[in-house]
Amino acid sequence: MSARRAGADAGPKEATMVGRMIKRWAVVAVAVPLAAAGARKLSSVVESRKGPSRTSNLLRRAGDALHRNKRHR
């Protein structure tokens, strides 16, 4: 029998899995707020050029929804 306990030290496979999870979380933590800000900005640009429209309302709602979900976490 091995004297080594399960989980005593992570092997290379577990270490890379944790690293990937951290990278994925970091990308999502940056991408979601940027997407929300981009949708809201694009909505205001479209509204300033052509007035309120279905597209600009949809973009604004999408930006607000992303922002609202980020706030409640």
Protein backbone atom coordinates (compact mmCIF):
# COMPACT_ATOMS: atom_id res chain seq x y z
CA MET A 1 0.00 0.00 0.00
CA SER A 2 1.06 3.48 -0.67
CA ALA A 3 1.73 5.84 2.20
CA ARG A 4 0.54 8.70 0.05
CA ARG A 5 -2.89 10.09 0.90
CA ALA A 6 -5.37 10.87 -1.84
CA GLY A 7 -5.33 14.59 -2.50
CA ALA A 8 -2.19 15.23 -0.47
CA ASP A 9 -0.53 16.86 -3.45
CA ALA A 10 -2.19 17.60 -6.75
CA GLY A 11 -0.77 15.97 -9.80
CA PRO A 12 -0.13 17.80 -13.06
CA LYS A 13 -3.58 16.97 -14.42
CA GLU A 14 -5.38 18.53 -11.44
CA ALA A 15 -3.11 21.57 -11.48
CA THR A 16 -3.82 22.28 -15.14
CA MET A 17 -7.56 21.80 -14.57
CA VAL A 18 -7.53 24.38 -11.77
CA GLY A 19 -5.47 26.73 -13.91
CA ARG A 20 -7.95 26.44 -16.76
CA MET A 21 -10.86 27.12 -14.42
CA ILE A 22 -9.16 30.25 -13.09
CA LYS A 23 -8.42 31.50 -16.61
CA ARG A 24 -12.00 30.83 -17.70
CA TRP A 25 -13.37 32.69 -14.66
CA ALA A 26 -11.07 35.65 -15.33
CA VAL A 27 -12.17 35.87 -18.97
CA VAL A 28 -15.85 35.75 -18.00
CA ALA A 29 -15.33 38.31 -15.23
CA VAL A 30 -13.97 40.75 -17.81
CA ALA A 31 -16.08 39.79 -20.85
CA VAL A 32 -19.55 40.10 -19.29
CA PRO A 33 -19.17 43.72 -18.11
CA LEU A 34 -17.52 44.68 -21.40
CA ALA A 35 -20.35 43.09 -23.39
CA ALA A 36 -22.93 44.92 -21.28
CA ALA A 37 -21.17 48.25 -21.70
CA GLY A 38 -20.73 47.66 -25.43
CA ALA A 39 -24.41 46.84 -25.93
CA ARG A 40 -25.52 49.91 -24.01
CA LYS A 41 -23.08 52.18 -25.85
CA LEU A 42 -24.10 50.77 -29.24
CA SER A 43 -27.74 51.29 -28.30
CA SER A 44 -27.16 54.95 -27.46
CA VAL A 45 -25.20 55.51 -30.69
CA VAL A 46 -27.98 53.95 -32.78
CA GLU A 47 -30.63 56.00 -30.96
CA SER A 48 -28.70 59.24 -31.43
CA ARG A 49 -28.39 58.64 -35.19
CA LYS A 50 -31.79 57.18 -36.06
CA GLY A 51 -33.96 57.68 -32.99
CA PRO A 52 -35.47 54.96 -30.84
CA SER A 53 -36.03 51.70 -32.68
CA ARG A 54 -36.65 48.06 -32.01
CA THR A 55 -32.93 47.31 -32.40
CA SER A 56 -31.79 50.03 -30.01
CA ASN A 57 -34.37 48.97 -27.42
CA LEU A 58 -33.23 45.35 -27.69
CA LEU A 59 -29.58 46.35 -27.29
CA ARG A 60 -30.38 48.48 -24.26
CA ARG A 61 -32.39 45.67 -22.65
CA ALA A 62 -29.58 43.20 -23.27
CA GLY A 63 -27.03 45.55 -21.72
CA ASP A 64 -29.28 46.18 -18.73
CA ALA A 65 -29.92 42.46 -18.25
CA LEU A 66 -26.20 41.66 -18.28
CA HIS A 67 -25.51 44.50 -15.88
CA ARG A 68 -28.37 43.45 -13.56
CA ASN A 69 -27.13 39.84 -13.41
CA LYS A 70 -23.62 41.00 -12.59
CA ARG A 71 -24.93 43.16 -9.74
CA HIS A 72 -26.90 40.33 -8.06
CA ARG A 73 -23.98 37.92 -7.80
